[in-house]
Every structure is written in structure tokens, then in C-alpha cells.
Amino acid sequence: MELRFSPLFSGSSGNAIYVGCDDAHILVDAGMSGNRIIGEMTRMGIDPKCLNAILVTHEHADHIKGIGILSRKFDLPIYATEGTWQGMYNKIGAVSEKNRILFEPEQDFFIGPIDVTPFSTPHDANQSVGYTFELNGAKLAIATDLGCVKDSWLKYVMGSDAVILESNYDPNMLTAGPYPYELKKRIRSSRGHLSNDDAGHVAAELVRHGASQIILGHLSKENNFPELAMRTCELTLQMAGIEPHVDASIYIARRDGATGMFSITCEMV
């Protein structure tokens, strides 16, 4: 059995990630139009009609744009914290009451055989979370929209086999770029986003604790580019005595379409 996942879109323009196995199919965020998400899922061999749930990290537009449309089209439950529901309720259109599912951060729940644990994240949203997914010993973590590196969220991600990790901006590009000062300040803040340097250091710790796949995601279109994020991570890993692409595979999640289908082999039960 495999725990499979596919970053469908990743970046400030929109985010959506598929996570699933033979018996459960989950969409994490839906920050693009419903049609574009359906198209990418279909292209990756995922039948949207088989989805069991949509999980939401937070209420920003690049994470919720297609949530209401997909819920109504496929009668899907939407899982989110109370704070996230308050922030997005008037932005996603009508949703059936039975499909409004609330949860508390740090309390796990099951979708089919997949054990889902939401964990609080430091971001400028009402009550944002990341997620881990566990299936028969295999573990995936989604850790994006993180303002800073903190043990409070890192402890949930540690021990994952694969991690989709934010690598949002290059500090020099952000400083020299066109953004107004207040926006730059927000991005750099402890409730903004992780830099390439921060992501590299986190990746090194994750690989030391068993991660074999690191997918760098949520890259800024204006303040980063894939080659720079990759090279920064590679150099940081090398400085930590880790050989990138040998000790662990490193990938960049695409902004404008699916990156590919990844998998983690589960223990037989």
C-alpha cells in the first residue's frame, strides 16, 4: 500500500494538494478555480468524484478560491478550524451545513484509514494550520505559510518521510523588489512566510530525522525563483553534511500545475 500525494498548484497565485491512498482521497486547499483543479487532478489520474474531503489550512484567497465550488459540485465536506470558518464563510458561497466540519488543532481525526493531525502554524490568519497524514507507518507533512521556525509546529513535522515545505522568498530579492515597505515587513515577520535560508535549515533537520523527500513549495513569483530556492537548500544541506539528491530527494513544487505524483510505501498490515 502507498500513501500518495501530488502538489497540484503551489504559490502565491493559488495552492492545492492531493493526498490519498486506495481507500481515501483528500484535497488540501483549493486556491484556484474549480475547473483548473479538476483539470489537474484528472491529468494526474485522480478522479475528482472519488474525493472524500477538502481540508483547509487558512482563509487567504490563494487557499480557498475553489473550495465552495468543489464542495457543491461533489457534495464534499470541508474541514477547517473555527477561526478559518469565520474568516472564509462569506467568501466561498453557500455550503451545506452537513459539509461544515470543525476541528481543533493538535487533535487528530481519520479520513478513511488516513490519520490526519492538524497543527497550529504562525501565520497572519485567523487560526491557520498545517497537516500531517499517517498511514501504516508512512507519514507526510504539509508545512507552508509559516512565519518562523518554531518547535511548536516543527515537532509535528519531525519524523515525516516526506514534507511539502514552504520556501517562499529570497531575502535579497525581497529587499530589492517592488513590494511596498509594509508588505515586505509583513512577509519577513514571524507571522509571514519562510525564506529560502530558513527552509534549508529546516530541511536539514528533517532529513536528519528521517525525511527522504523534501518538496519546496509556495515560492513567491516576485521574490524567488525555483533555481535559487533549490540551490539555497542544496548548499544548506551540504553545509550540514547531507548530500542532496543522495541522502534525500529535493523537488520544487510548480506554481502553474501538478509537480507529479509522489508516494511513500506503507508497512504491510
Foldseek 3Di string as FASTA:
>chain_A
DWWKKWWFAFAPQATWMWTDDPFAIEIEFGLDAPVSVCVQCVVQVHHLLRHAAYEYQAQDNRGHVHPLVSCVVNVHAYEDAPQRCVNCVVPRDDHDPVSDHHDDAQDWDDGGQKIKHWFFAQAPGRTGTWIWIDHQQAIETEEWQHQADDPRRLVVHALHQEYAYEAEAALVQLVPFDDDPVVSCRCNGRRHGHHLLRRLVSVLRNLVRNHAEYEYGHYYPRGDDDVVSVVNNQVSNVVVVHHEPPSHDYHYAHRNGIPHMDIDDHDDD
